[in-house]
N, C-alpha and C. Protein backbone atom coordinates (compact mmCIF):
# COMPACT_ATOMS: atom_id res chain seq x y z
N MET A 1 -14.81 -25.53 -40.81
CA MET A 1 -15.50 -26.13 -39.66
C MET A 1 -15.56 -27.64 -39.81
N ALA A 2 -15.83 -28.09 -41.04
CA ALA A 2 -15.85 -29.53 -41.31
C ALA A 2 -14.49 -30.15 -41.05
N SER A 3 -13.43 -29.43 -41.44
CA SER A 3 -12.07 -29.91 -41.22
C SER A 3 -11.74 -29.92 -39.73
N SER A 4 -12.16 -28.89 -39.02
CA SER A 4 -11.87 -28.78 -37.59
C SER A 4 -12.55 -29.87 -36.77
N THR A 5 -13.72 -30.31 -37.23
CA THR A 5 -14.46 -31.35 -36.51
C THR A 5 -14.23 -32.74 -37.10
N ASP A 6 -13.27 -32.85 -38.03
CA ASP A 6 -12.96 -34.13 -38.69
C ASP A 6 -14.16 -34.72 -39.42
N HIS A 7 -14.96 -33.83 -40.05
CA HIS A 7 -16.09 -34.28 -40.86
C HIS A 7 -15.96 -33.73 -42.28
N ARG A 8 -14.74 -33.88 -42.83
CA ARG A 8 -14.47 -33.33 -44.17
C ARG A 8 -15.30 -34.01 -45.25
N LYS A 9 -15.75 -35.24 -45.00
CA LYS A 9 -16.52 -35.99 -46.02
C LYS A 9 -18.03 -35.83 -45.82
N THR A 10 -18.44 -34.91 -44.96
CA THR A 10 -19.87 -34.72 -44.71
C THR A 10 -20.61 -34.30 -45.97
N ILE A 11 -21.85 -34.78 -46.12
CA ILE A 11 -22.68 -34.44 -47.28
C ILE A 11 -23.12 -32.98 -47.24
N LEU A 12 -22.97 -32.35 -46.06
CA LEU A 12 -23.40 -30.97 -45.90
C LEU A 12 -22.58 -30.01 -46.77
N LEU A 13 -21.31 -30.33 -46.98
CA LEU A 13 -20.45 -29.43 -47.78
C LEU A 13 -20.93 -29.29 -49.22
N PRO A 14 -21.15 -30.41 -49.95
CA PRO A 14 -21.65 -30.24 -51.32
C PRO A 14 -23.03 -29.62 -51.38
N ILE A 15 -23.87 -29.87 -50.35
CA ILE A 15 -25.21 -29.27 -50.32
C ILE A 15 -25.10 -27.76 -50.22
N LEU A 16 -24.27 -27.31 -49.26
CA LEU A 16 -24.10 -25.86 -49.07
C LEU A 16 -23.45 -25.21 -50.28
N LEU A 17 -22.48 -25.90 -50.87
CA LEU A 17 -21.82 -25.37 -52.07
C LEU A 17 -22.83 -25.24 -53.22
N SER A 18 -23.69 -26.25 -53.37
CA SER A 18 -24.71 -26.22 -54.43
C SER A 18 -25.68 -25.06 -54.22
N LEU A 19 -26.14 -24.88 -52.98
CA LEU A 19 -27.06 -23.78 -52.67
C LEU A 19 -26.42 -22.43 -52.97
N THR A 20 -25.15 -22.30 -52.61
CA THR A 20 -24.43 -21.05 -52.84
C THR A 20 -24.29 -20.77 -54.33
N MET A 21 -23.94 -21.79 -55.11
CA MET A 21 -23.76 -21.62 -56.55
C MET A 21 -25.09 -21.31 -57.25
N ILE A 22 -26.17 -21.98 -56.80
CA ILE A 22 -27.50 -21.72 -57.38
C ILE A 22 -27.92 -20.28 -57.09
N ASN A 23 -27.70 -19.88 -55.83
CA ASN A 23 -28.04 -18.51 -55.41
C ASN A 23 -27.26 -17.49 -56.24
N TYR A 24 -25.97 -17.75 -56.39
CA TYR A 24 -25.11 -16.85 -57.16
C TYR A 24 -25.55 -16.78 -58.63
N ALA A 25 -25.81 -17.94 -59.21
CA ALA A 25 -26.20 -18.00 -60.63
C ALA A 25 -27.53 -17.29 -60.87
N LEU A 26 -28.52 -17.53 -59.99
CA LEU A 26 -29.83 -16.90 -60.13
C LEU A 26 -29.73 -15.38 -59.98
N THR A 27 -28.99 -14.96 -58.95
CA THR A 27 -28.84 -13.52 -58.71
C THR A 27 -28.18 -12.83 -59.91
N LEU A 28 -27.11 -13.46 -60.41
CA LEU A 28 -26.38 -12.89 -61.55
C LEU A 28 -27.24 -12.84 -62.80
N THR A 29 -27.94 -13.95 -63.08
CA THR A 29 -28.75 -14.06 -64.30
C THR A 29 -29.94 -13.10 -64.27
N LEU A 30 -30.70 -13.13 -63.16
CA LEU A 30 -31.91 -12.30 -63.07
C LEU A 30 -31.60 -10.81 -63.06
N SER A 31 -30.48 -10.43 -62.41
CA SER A 31 -30.11 -9.01 -62.39
C SER A 31 -29.56 -8.58 -63.76
N ALA A 32 -28.83 -9.48 -64.43
CA ALA A 32 -28.29 -9.17 -65.76
C ALA A 32 -29.40 -9.01 -66.79
N LEU A 33 -30.46 -9.82 -66.66
CA LEU A 33 -31.59 -9.75 -67.60
C LEU A 33 -32.57 -8.65 -67.24
N GLY A 34 -32.38 -8.01 -66.10
CA GLY A 34 -33.26 -6.92 -65.69
C GLY A 34 -34.57 -7.40 -65.12
N ILE A 35 -34.67 -8.70 -64.84
CA ILE A 35 -35.91 -9.26 -64.28
C ILE A 35 -36.06 -8.88 -62.81
N SER A 36 -34.94 -8.87 -62.09
CA SER A 36 -34.97 -8.51 -60.67
C SER A 36 -33.72 -7.73 -60.31
N ASP A 37 -33.71 -7.20 -59.10
CA ASP A 37 -32.58 -6.42 -58.63
C ASP A 37 -31.83 -7.20 -57.55
N VAL A 38 -30.53 -6.98 -57.45
CA VAL A 38 -29.70 -7.69 -56.47
C VAL A 38 -30.24 -7.51 -55.05
N HIS A 39 -30.65 -6.27 -54.73
CA HIS A 39 -31.15 -5.98 -53.38
C HIS A 39 -32.42 -6.78 -53.08
N LEU A 40 -33.26 -6.99 -54.07
CA LEU A 40 -34.51 -7.74 -53.86
C LEU A 40 -34.25 -9.22 -53.63
N MET A 41 -33.10 -9.70 -54.10
CA MET A 41 -32.78 -11.13 -53.96
C MET A 41 -31.83 -11.41 -52.79
N LEU A 42 -31.52 -10.38 -52.01
CA LEU A 42 -30.60 -10.57 -50.88
C LEU A 42 -31.15 -11.53 -49.83
N HIS A 43 -32.48 -11.65 -49.78
CA HIS A 43 -33.08 -12.57 -48.81
C HIS A 43 -32.58 -14.00 -49.02
N PHE A 44 -32.36 -14.37 -50.28
CA PHE A 44 -31.85 -15.71 -50.57
C PHE A 44 -30.44 -15.89 -50.00
N SER A 45 -29.64 -14.83 -50.12
CA SER A 45 -28.28 -14.88 -49.55
C SER A 45 -28.34 -14.98 -48.04
N HIS A 46 -29.29 -14.25 -47.45
CA HIS A 46 -29.45 -14.29 -45.99
C HIS A 46 -29.84 -15.70 -45.54
N VAL A 47 -30.73 -16.31 -46.27
CA VAL A 47 -31.14 -17.69 -45.96
C VAL A 47 -29.94 -18.64 -46.08
N ASN A 48 -29.14 -18.42 -47.11
CA ASN A 48 -27.94 -19.24 -47.33
C ASN A 48 -26.97 -19.13 -46.15
N ILE A 49 -26.79 -17.90 -45.66
CA ILE A 49 -25.90 -17.66 -44.53
C ILE A 49 -26.42 -18.35 -43.27
N VAL A 50 -27.74 -18.24 -43.05
CA VAL A 50 -28.35 -18.89 -41.88
C VAL A 50 -28.19 -20.40 -41.96
N ILE A 51 -28.37 -20.98 -43.16
CA ILE A 51 -28.19 -22.43 -43.35
C ILE A 51 -26.75 -22.82 -43.03
N ALA A 52 -25.79 -21.99 -43.46
CA ALA A 52 -24.37 -22.26 -43.18
C ALA A 52 -24.12 -22.26 -41.67
N LEU A 53 -24.71 -21.30 -40.95
CA LEU A 53 -24.55 -21.23 -39.50
C LEU A 53 -25.16 -22.45 -38.82
N ILE A 54 -26.34 -22.87 -39.31
CA ILE A 54 -27.01 -24.05 -38.75
C ILE A 54 -26.15 -25.30 -38.96
N MET A 55 -25.59 -25.43 -40.17
CA MET A 55 -24.72 -26.57 -40.47
C MET A 55 -23.49 -26.57 -39.57
N THR A 56 -22.96 -25.38 -39.33
CA THR A 56 -21.79 -25.25 -38.45
C THR A 56 -22.11 -25.72 -37.04
N ILE A 57 -23.26 -25.29 -36.54
CA ILE A 57 -23.71 -25.70 -35.20
C ILE A 57 -23.92 -27.22 -35.15
N TYR A 58 -24.54 -27.75 -36.22
CA TYR A 58 -24.80 -29.19 -36.29
C TYR A 58 -23.50 -29.99 -36.24
N LEU A 59 -22.49 -29.55 -36.99
CA LEU A 59 -21.20 -30.26 -37.02
C LEU A 59 -20.56 -30.27 -35.64
N MET A 60 -20.67 -29.14 -34.93
CA MET A 60 -20.07 -29.06 -33.61
C MET A 60 -20.81 -29.95 -32.62
N ILE A 61 -22.15 -29.92 -32.65
CA ILE A 61 -22.95 -30.76 -31.75
C ILE A 61 -22.67 -32.24 -32.01
N ARG A 62 -22.57 -32.60 -33.29
CA ARG A 62 -22.28 -33.98 -33.66
C ARG A 62 -20.93 -34.43 -33.11
N ARG A 63 -19.96 -33.52 -33.17
CA ARG A 63 -18.62 -33.83 -32.66
C ARG A 63 -18.64 -33.96 -31.13
N ILE A 64 -19.39 -33.08 -30.47
CA ILE A 64 -19.48 -33.12 -29.00
C ILE A 64 -20.13 -34.42 -28.55
N ARG A 65 -21.16 -34.86 -29.25
CA ARG A 65 -21.85 -36.12 -28.90
C ARG A 65 -20.93 -37.34 -29.01
N ASN A 66 -19.96 -37.26 -29.91
CA ASN A 66 -19.00 -38.35 -30.06
C ASN A 66 -17.88 -38.28 -29.01
N ASN A 67 -17.97 -37.27 -28.13
CA ASN A 67 -16.98 -37.08 -27.05
C ASN A 67 -15.55 -36.98 -27.59
N LYS A 68 -15.40 -36.34 -28.73
CA LYS A 68 -14.08 -36.21 -29.35
C LYS A 68 -13.64 -34.75 -29.49
N LEU A 69 -14.36 -33.86 -28.82
CA LEU A 69 -14.07 -32.44 -28.98
C LEU A 69 -13.45 -31.88 -27.71
N ASP A 70 -12.30 -31.22 -27.84
CA ASP A 70 -11.68 -30.63 -26.66
C ASP A 70 -12.33 -29.29 -26.32
N LYS A 71 -12.27 -28.94 -25.04
CA LYS A 71 -12.95 -27.73 -24.56
C LYS A 71 -12.41 -26.47 -25.23
N GLY A 72 -11.09 -26.45 -25.48
CA GLY A 72 -10.49 -25.29 -26.13
C GLY A 72 -11.12 -25.01 -27.48
N PHE A 73 -11.37 -26.08 -28.24
CA PHE A 73 -11.98 -25.92 -29.56
C PHE A 73 -13.42 -25.44 -29.44
N VAL A 74 -14.16 -25.99 -28.47
CA VAL A 74 -15.56 -25.58 -28.26
C VAL A 74 -15.62 -24.08 -27.97
N TYR A 75 -14.75 -23.61 -27.07
CA TYR A 75 -14.72 -22.18 -26.74
C TYR A 75 -14.36 -21.35 -27.96
N THR A 76 -13.40 -21.83 -28.75
CA THR A 76 -12.99 -21.11 -29.96
C THR A 76 -14.15 -20.97 -30.93
N VAL A 77 -14.89 -22.08 -31.14
CA VAL A 77 -16.02 -22.07 -32.07
C VAL A 77 -17.14 -21.17 -31.56
N ILE A 78 -17.42 -21.23 -30.26
CA ILE A 78 -18.48 -20.39 -29.69
C ILE A 78 -18.15 -18.91 -29.88
N ILE A 79 -16.90 -18.53 -29.58
CA ILE A 79 -16.48 -17.13 -29.76
C ILE A 79 -16.54 -16.75 -31.24
N ALA A 80 -16.02 -17.63 -32.10
CA ALA A 80 -16.00 -17.35 -33.55
C ALA A 80 -17.41 -17.21 -34.10
N MET A 81 -18.30 -18.13 -33.69
CA MET A 81 -19.68 -18.09 -34.19
C MET A 81 -20.43 -16.88 -33.64
N THR A 82 -20.09 -16.46 -32.44
CA THR A 82 -20.72 -15.26 -31.87
C THR A 82 -20.41 -14.05 -32.74
N PHE A 83 -19.13 -13.90 -33.13
CA PHE A 83 -18.74 -12.79 -34.00
C PHE A 83 -19.46 -12.88 -35.35
N ALA A 84 -19.50 -14.11 -35.92
CA ALA A 84 -20.15 -14.30 -37.22
C ALA A 84 -21.64 -13.99 -37.13
N ALA A 85 -22.29 -14.48 -36.06
CA ALA A 85 -23.72 -14.26 -35.88
C ALA A 85 -24.04 -12.78 -35.67
N ILE A 86 -23.21 -12.10 -34.89
CA ILE A 86 -23.40 -10.66 -34.66
C ILE A 86 -23.27 -9.89 -35.98
N GLY A 87 -22.27 -10.28 -36.79
CA GLY A 87 -22.08 -9.64 -38.08
C GLY A 87 -23.29 -9.82 -38.99
N VAL A 88 -23.77 -11.06 -39.07
CA VAL A 88 -24.93 -11.36 -39.93
C VAL A 88 -26.17 -10.64 -39.41
N ALA A 89 -26.40 -10.71 -38.09
CA ALA A 89 -27.57 -10.06 -37.50
C ALA A 89 -27.55 -8.54 -37.71
N SER A 90 -26.35 -7.95 -37.59
CA SER A 90 -26.21 -6.51 -37.78
C SER A 90 -26.58 -6.10 -39.21
N ASP A 91 -26.07 -6.87 -40.18
CA ASP A 91 -26.37 -6.56 -41.58
C ASP A 91 -27.84 -6.80 -41.92
N LEU A 92 -28.42 -7.86 -41.35
CA LEU A 92 -29.84 -8.13 -41.57
C LEU A 92 -30.68 -6.99 -41.02
N ALA A 93 -30.34 -6.54 -39.81
CA ALA A 93 -31.08 -5.45 -39.18
C ALA A 93 -30.93 -4.16 -40.00
N ARG A 94 -29.70 -3.88 -40.43
CA ARG A 94 -29.44 -2.68 -41.24
C ARG A 94 -30.24 -2.72 -42.54
N TYR A 95 -30.27 -3.90 -43.15
CA TYR A 95 -30.96 -4.04 -44.44
C TYR A 95 -32.47 -3.89 -44.28
N LEU A 96 -33.02 -4.52 -43.23
CA LEU A 96 -34.46 -4.46 -43.01
C LEU A 96 -34.92 -3.07 -42.62
N ILE A 97 -34.06 -2.35 -41.90
CA ILE A 97 -34.42 -1.00 -41.45
C ILE A 97 -34.31 0.00 -42.60
N THR A 98 -33.18 -0.04 -43.32
CA THR A 98 -32.94 0.95 -44.39
C THR A 98 -33.31 0.44 -45.77
N ASN A 99 -33.61 -0.87 -45.84
CA ASN A 99 -33.97 -1.55 -47.10
C ASN A 99 -32.89 -1.37 -48.15
N ASP A 100 -33.22 -0.91 -49.37
CA ASP A 100 -32.23 -0.91 -50.45
C ASP A 100 -31.43 0.40 -50.52
N ARG A 101 -31.47 1.21 -49.47
CA ARG A 101 -30.70 2.45 -49.49
C ARG A 101 -29.23 2.21 -49.12
N LEU A 102 -28.94 0.97 -48.65
CA LEU A 102 -27.55 0.66 -48.25
C LEU A 102 -26.68 0.38 -49.47
N ASP A 103 -25.48 0.93 -49.47
CA ASP A 103 -24.53 0.63 -50.52
C ASP A 103 -23.86 -0.72 -50.28
N ASP A 104 -23.63 -1.04 -49.02
CA ASP A 104 -22.97 -2.30 -48.66
C ASP A 104 -23.81 -3.04 -47.63
N THR A 105 -24.43 -4.13 -48.04
CA THR A 105 -25.35 -4.85 -47.15
C THR A 105 -24.68 -6.02 -46.41
N SER A 106 -23.38 -6.22 -46.63
CA SER A 106 -22.73 -7.37 -45.99
C SER A 106 -21.41 -6.99 -45.30
N TYR A 107 -21.29 -5.73 -44.93
CA TYR A 107 -20.04 -5.23 -44.34
C TYR A 107 -19.71 -5.97 -43.04
N PHE A 108 -20.66 -5.99 -42.11
CA PHE A 108 -20.41 -6.64 -40.81
C PHE A 108 -20.34 -8.16 -40.93
N THR A 109 -21.08 -8.69 -41.90
CA THR A 109 -21.03 -10.15 -42.13
C THR A 109 -19.62 -10.56 -42.54
N ARG A 110 -19.00 -9.78 -43.43
CA ARG A 110 -17.65 -10.09 -43.89
C ARG A 110 -16.66 -10.03 -42.73
N ILE A 111 -16.83 -9.02 -41.87
CA ILE A 111 -15.94 -8.91 -40.71
C ILE A 111 -16.14 -10.11 -39.77
N GLY A 112 -17.41 -10.46 -39.52
CA GLY A 112 -17.71 -11.59 -38.64
C GLY A 112 -17.18 -12.90 -39.17
N VAL A 113 -17.36 -13.12 -40.48
CA VAL A 113 -16.88 -14.36 -41.11
C VAL A 113 -15.35 -14.39 -41.12
N LEU A 114 -14.73 -13.23 -41.35
CA LEU A 114 -13.27 -13.14 -41.33
C LEU A 114 -12.73 -13.54 -39.95
N ILE A 115 -13.36 -13.04 -38.89
CA ILE A 115 -12.95 -13.40 -37.53
C ILE A 115 -13.17 -14.89 -37.30
N PHE A 116 -14.31 -15.40 -37.77
CA PHE A 116 -14.65 -16.83 -37.63
C PHE A 116 -13.59 -17.70 -38.28
N VAL A 117 -13.28 -17.40 -39.55
CA VAL A 117 -12.30 -18.19 -40.30
C VAL A 117 -10.91 -18.06 -39.68
N SER A 118 -10.57 -16.86 -39.22
CA SER A 118 -9.24 -16.64 -38.63
C SER A 118 -9.06 -17.45 -37.36
N LEU A 119 -10.07 -17.43 -36.48
CA LEU A 119 -9.99 -18.18 -35.22
C LEU A 119 -9.90 -19.68 -35.47
N LEU A 120 -10.72 -20.18 -36.40
CA LEU A 120 -10.66 -21.61 -36.72
C LEU A 120 -9.34 -21.96 -37.40
N GLY A 121 -8.84 -21.04 -38.22
CA GLY A 121 -7.56 -21.26 -38.89
C GLY A 121 -6.42 -21.38 -37.90
N ILE A 122 -6.42 -20.49 -36.90
CA ILE A 122 -5.40 -20.55 -35.85
C ILE A 122 -5.48 -21.87 -35.10
N HIS A 123 -6.71 -22.31 -34.81
CA HIS A 123 -6.89 -23.60 -34.12
C HIS A 123 -6.34 -24.75 -34.96
N LEU A 124 -6.66 -24.75 -36.25
CA LEU A 124 -6.20 -25.82 -37.14
C LEU A 124 -4.68 -25.84 -37.26
N ILE A 125 -4.08 -24.66 -37.37
CA ILE A 125 -2.62 -24.58 -37.47
C ILE A 125 -1.98 -25.16 -36.22
N ARG A 126 -2.52 -24.79 -35.05
CA ARG A 126 -2.00 -25.32 -33.79
C ARG A 126 -2.17 -26.84 -33.72
N LYS A 127 -3.33 -27.31 -34.16
CA LYS A 127 -3.61 -28.75 -34.14
C LYS A 127 -2.65 -29.51 -35.05
N ARG A 128 -2.48 -29.00 -36.29
CA ARG A 128 -1.60 -29.67 -37.25
C ARG A 128 -0.15 -29.63 -36.77
N THR A 129 0.25 -28.51 -36.16
CA THR A 129 1.62 -28.39 -35.63
C THR A 129 1.85 -29.40 -34.52
N ARG A 130 0.85 -29.53 -33.64
CA ARG A 130 0.95 -30.48 -32.53
C ARG A 130 1.04 -31.92 -33.05
N LEU A 131 0.24 -32.23 -34.08
CA LEU A 131 0.28 -33.56 -34.68
C LEU A 131 1.63 -33.84 -35.34
N ALA A 132 2.17 -32.83 -36.01
CA ALA A 132 3.47 -32.98 -36.68
C ALA A 132 4.58 -33.23 -35.65
N ILE A 133 4.52 -32.50 -34.53
CA ILE A 133 5.50 -32.68 -33.46
C ILE A 133 5.39 -34.07 -32.86
N ASP A 134 4.15 -34.52 -32.62
CA ASP A 134 3.92 -35.86 -32.05
C ASP A 134 4.43 -36.95 -32.99
N LYS A 135 4.20 -36.74 -34.28
CA LYS A 135 4.65 -37.72 -35.27
C LYS A 135 6.17 -37.79 -35.30
N GLU A 136 6.81 -36.61 -35.27
CA GLU A 136 8.27 -36.55 -35.28
C GLU A 136 8.84 -37.20 -34.02
N ARG A 137 8.17 -36.94 -32.90
CA ARG A 137 8.62 -37.52 -31.62
C ARG A 137 8.49 -39.05 -31.67
N ALA A 138 7.41 -39.54 -32.28
CA ALA A 138 7.19 -40.99 -32.38
C ALA A 138 8.28 -41.64 -33.23
N VAL A 139 8.67 -40.95 -34.31
CA VAL A 139 9.74 -41.46 -35.19
C VAL A 139 11.05 -41.54 -34.41
N VAL A 140 11.34 -40.47 -33.64
CA VAL A 140 12.57 -40.43 -32.85
C VAL A 140 12.57 -41.52 -31.79
N MET A 141 11.43 -41.69 -31.11
CA MET A 141 11.32 -42.70 -30.06
C MET A 141 11.50 -44.11 -30.63
N GLU A 142 10.91 -44.35 -31.82
CA GLU A 142 11.05 -45.66 -32.46
C GLU A 142 12.51 -45.90 -32.84
N LYS A 143 13.16 -44.86 -33.35
CA LYS A 143 14.57 -44.99 -33.72
C LYS A 143 15.43 -45.29 -32.49
N MET A 144 15.12 -44.61 -31.38
CA MET A 144 15.86 -44.83 -30.14
C MET A 144 15.64 -46.25 -29.62
N ALA A 145 14.43 -46.77 -29.80
CA ALA A 145 14.10 -48.10 -29.29
C ALA A 145 14.84 -49.21 -30.04
N TYR A 146 15.15 -48.96 -31.32
CA TYR A 146 15.76 -50.00 -32.14
C TYR A 146 17.19 -49.66 -32.59
N THR A 147 17.79 -48.63 -32.01
CA THR A 147 19.14 -48.23 -32.39
C THR A 147 20.05 -48.17 -31.17
N ASP A 148 21.25 -48.70 -31.31
CA ASP A 148 22.25 -48.61 -30.24
C ASP A 148 22.81 -47.20 -30.21
N SER A 149 22.74 -46.55 -29.05
CA SER A 149 23.14 -45.14 -28.96
C SER A 149 24.64 -44.93 -29.18
N LEU A 150 25.45 -45.93 -28.85
CA LEU A 150 26.91 -45.78 -28.99
C LEU A 150 27.37 -45.90 -30.44
N THR A 151 26.87 -46.93 -31.13
CA THR A 151 27.38 -47.23 -32.47
C THR A 151 26.48 -46.77 -33.61
N GLY A 152 25.18 -46.58 -33.30
CA GLY A 152 24.23 -46.24 -34.35
C GLY A 152 23.74 -47.44 -35.12
N LEU A 153 24.21 -48.64 -34.74
CA LEU A 153 23.75 -49.88 -35.37
C LEU A 153 22.42 -50.30 -34.76
N ALA A 154 21.71 -51.18 -35.46
CA ALA A 154 20.48 -51.74 -34.91
C ALA A 154 20.82 -52.56 -33.67
N ASN A 155 19.96 -52.45 -32.63
CA ASN A 155 20.25 -53.14 -31.37
C ASN A 155 19.56 -54.50 -31.29
N ARG A 156 19.59 -55.10 -30.09
CA ARG A 156 19.03 -56.44 -29.89
C ARG A 156 17.53 -56.47 -30.20
N ALA A 157 16.81 -55.41 -29.79
CA ALA A 157 15.36 -55.35 -30.05
C ALA A 157 15.09 -55.38 -31.56
N ALA A 158 15.92 -54.66 -32.32
CA ALA A 158 15.77 -54.65 -33.78
C ALA A 158 16.07 -56.02 -34.37
N PHE A 159 17.06 -56.70 -33.77
CA PHE A 159 17.42 -58.03 -34.23
C PHE A 159 16.26 -59.00 -34.03
N HIS A 160 15.62 -58.92 -32.86
CA HIS A 160 14.48 -59.80 -32.58
C HIS A 160 13.30 -59.51 -33.51
N GLU A 161 13.09 -58.23 -33.83
CA GLU A 161 12.02 -57.87 -34.76
C GLU A 161 12.30 -58.45 -36.14
N LYS A 162 13.58 -58.38 -36.54
CA LYS A 162 13.97 -58.93 -37.84
C LYS A 162 13.79 -60.44 -37.85
N GLU A 163 14.13 -61.07 -36.71
CA GLU A 163 13.94 -62.53 -36.56
C GLU A 163 12.48 -62.92 -36.77
N LYS A 164 11.59 -62.15 -36.14
CA LYS A 164 10.15 -62.41 -36.27
C LYS A 164 9.70 -62.25 -37.72
N GLU A 165 10.23 -61.19 -38.37
CA GLU A 165 9.88 -60.91 -39.77
C GLU A 165 10.31 -62.06 -40.69
N VAL A 166 11.53 -62.56 -40.46
CA VAL A 166 12.05 -63.68 -41.26
C VAL A 166 11.22 -64.93 -41.04
N ALA A 167 10.88 -65.19 -39.77
CA ALA A 167 10.09 -66.38 -39.43
C ALA A 167 8.68 -66.29 -40.01
N LEU A 168 8.11 -65.10 -39.95
CA LEU A 168 6.74 -64.91 -40.43
C LEU A 168 6.65 -65.04 -41.95
N ASN A 169 7.60 -64.43 -42.64
CA ASN A 169 7.60 -64.46 -44.11
C ASN A 169 8.27 -65.71 -44.68
N LYS A 170 8.91 -66.47 -43.77
CA LYS A 170 9.61 -67.71 -44.16
C LYS A 170 10.62 -67.46 -45.28
N THR A 171 11.37 -66.37 -45.13
CA THR A 171 12.39 -66.01 -46.13
C THR A 171 13.75 -66.56 -45.71
N ASP A 172 14.57 -66.85 -46.70
CA ASP A 172 15.92 -67.33 -46.42
C ASP A 172 16.78 -66.17 -45.92
N CYS A 173 17.71 -66.45 -45.06
CA CYS A 173 18.61 -65.40 -44.59
C CYS A 173 19.95 -66.00 -44.18
N ILE A 174 20.94 -65.17 -44.13
CA ILE A 174 22.28 -65.58 -43.69
C ILE A 174 22.62 -64.78 -42.44
N ILE A 175 23.04 -65.44 -41.39
CA ILE A 175 23.45 -64.76 -40.16
C ILE A 175 24.96 -64.85 -40.03
N ILE A 176 25.59 -63.71 -39.90
CA ILE A 176 27.05 -63.65 -39.70
C ILE A 176 27.31 -63.11 -38.30
N GLN A 177 28.04 -63.87 -37.52
CA GLN A 177 28.35 -63.44 -36.15
C GLN A 177 29.79 -62.96 -36.07
N LEU A 178 29.94 -61.77 -35.50
CA LEU A 178 31.27 -61.17 -35.38
C LEU A 178 31.61 -60.95 -33.91
N ASP A 179 32.88 -61.03 -33.62
CA ASP A 179 33.33 -60.80 -32.25
C ASP A 179 34.49 -59.81 -32.28
N ILE A 180 34.48 -58.84 -31.36
CA ILE A 180 35.57 -57.85 -31.30
C ILE A 180 36.69 -58.43 -30.43
N ASN A 181 37.87 -58.57 -31.01
CA ASN A 181 39.01 -59.15 -30.28
C ASN A 181 39.56 -58.18 -29.22
N TYR A 182 39.96 -58.75 -28.10
CA TYR A 182 40.70 -58.04 -27.05
C TYR A 182 39.95 -56.83 -26.47
N LEU A 183 38.62 -56.83 -26.50
CA LEU A 183 37.87 -55.70 -25.96
C LEU A 183 38.08 -55.55 -24.45
N LYS A 184 38.09 -56.67 -23.76
CA LYS A 184 38.30 -56.62 -22.31
C LYS A 184 39.69 -56.07 -21.99
N THR A 185 40.67 -56.48 -22.78
CA THR A 185 42.04 -56.01 -22.58
C THR A 185 42.13 -54.50 -22.78
N VAL A 186 41.47 -54.01 -23.83
CA VAL A 186 41.46 -52.56 -24.11
C VAL A 186 40.82 -51.81 -22.94
N ASN A 187 39.68 -52.34 -22.46
CA ASN A 187 38.99 -51.69 -21.33
C ASN A 187 39.86 -51.66 -20.07
N ASP A 188 40.52 -52.79 -19.80
CA ASP A 188 41.33 -52.91 -18.57
C ASP A 188 42.57 -52.02 -18.63
N LYS A 189 43.22 -51.99 -19.78
CA LYS A 189 44.50 -51.26 -19.90
C LYS A 189 44.33 -49.78 -20.20
N HIS A 190 43.33 -49.45 -21.02
CA HIS A 190 43.22 -48.07 -21.51
C HIS A 190 41.93 -47.37 -21.06
N GLY A 191 41.04 -48.07 -20.36
CA GLY A 191 39.81 -47.47 -19.86
C GLY A 191 38.63 -47.70 -20.79
N HIS A 192 37.44 -47.50 -20.24
CA HIS A 192 36.21 -47.80 -20.99
C HIS A 192 35.95 -46.80 -22.13
N ALA A 193 36.47 -45.58 -21.99
CA ALA A 193 36.31 -44.61 -23.08
C ALA A 193 37.01 -45.09 -24.34
N GLU A 194 38.22 -45.64 -24.14
CA GLU A 194 38.97 -46.21 -25.28
C GLU A 194 38.28 -47.47 -25.79
N GLY A 195 37.68 -48.22 -24.85
CA GLY A 195 36.93 -49.42 -25.24
C GLY A 195 35.73 -49.06 -26.11
N ASP A 196 35.07 -47.95 -25.75
CA ASP A 196 33.92 -47.48 -26.55
C ASP A 196 34.36 -47.09 -27.96
N ARG A 197 35.54 -46.43 -28.04
CA ARG A 197 36.07 -46.07 -29.35
C ARG A 197 36.40 -47.32 -30.17
N HIS A 198 36.89 -48.34 -29.47
CA HIS A 198 37.20 -49.64 -30.11
C HIS A 198 35.92 -50.23 -30.71
N ILE A 199 34.83 -50.20 -29.94
CA ILE A 199 33.53 -50.73 -30.39
C ILE A 199 32.99 -49.90 -31.56
N THR A 200 33.10 -48.57 -31.45
CA THR A 200 32.60 -47.68 -32.50
C THR A 200 33.33 -47.91 -33.82
N LYS A 201 34.67 -48.07 -33.74
CA LYS A 201 35.45 -48.33 -34.96
C LYS A 201 35.03 -49.64 -35.61
N ALA A 202 34.81 -50.66 -34.76
CA ALA A 202 34.36 -51.96 -35.28
C ALA A 202 32.99 -51.83 -35.95
N ALA A 203 32.11 -51.01 -35.35
CA ALA A 203 30.77 -50.78 -35.91
C ALA A 203 30.85 -50.13 -37.28
N HIS A 204 31.78 -49.17 -37.41
CA HIS A 204 31.97 -48.50 -38.71
C HIS A 204 32.44 -49.49 -39.77
N ILE A 205 33.32 -50.41 -39.36
CA ILE A 205 33.80 -51.46 -40.30
C ILE A 205 32.61 -52.32 -40.75
N ILE A 206 31.74 -52.69 -39.80
CA ILE A 206 30.57 -53.53 -40.11
C ILE A 206 29.64 -52.77 -41.09
N GLN A 207 29.42 -51.48 -40.82
CA GLN A 207 28.55 -50.68 -41.68
C GLN A 207 29.11 -50.58 -43.10
N GLU A 208 30.43 -50.41 -43.17
CA GLU A 208 31.06 -50.30 -44.50
C GLU A 208 31.02 -51.62 -45.26
């Protein structure tokens, strides 16, 4: 959820992780020493789950307030959280009604959390894929902007950018100017397709 809302550096993550580890350590230690039973300490796990849900809601509200959240993501989170909340509520109700007679007190919670994580995972994959496509498209567009489509050499725009770079850095450079002989004659006598081949061959010589 922190990743989905671009709040990966939030202080909430280490807080929740610490609470979870403390809860786990206490439950394991006290049950191993025979001081308490796992079922009697489940309330702490329930509190931990509720805190996680509250943090999730907080992250989403914070993102919405920044006007950076798309509607598709909001709907995904609402649906995902509904499943998670139903799972947690179902297990809480089952536990409170039957108390410690249950063999599995987190069955529906696991299903709800699995659906929650799966839906957010699908959203993240789609988001990352879209970003990767946009990045690739930007690279292609930049290449097209500074590359001559016929020869594959850098074009006039690239030359001007290089000029600016040389002027800005005040670096020494050598400029060599080349001219293709008889290009007009080739175009007139043999056609522009042959003229293009003439230019392409000259470009290959320059590259080599």
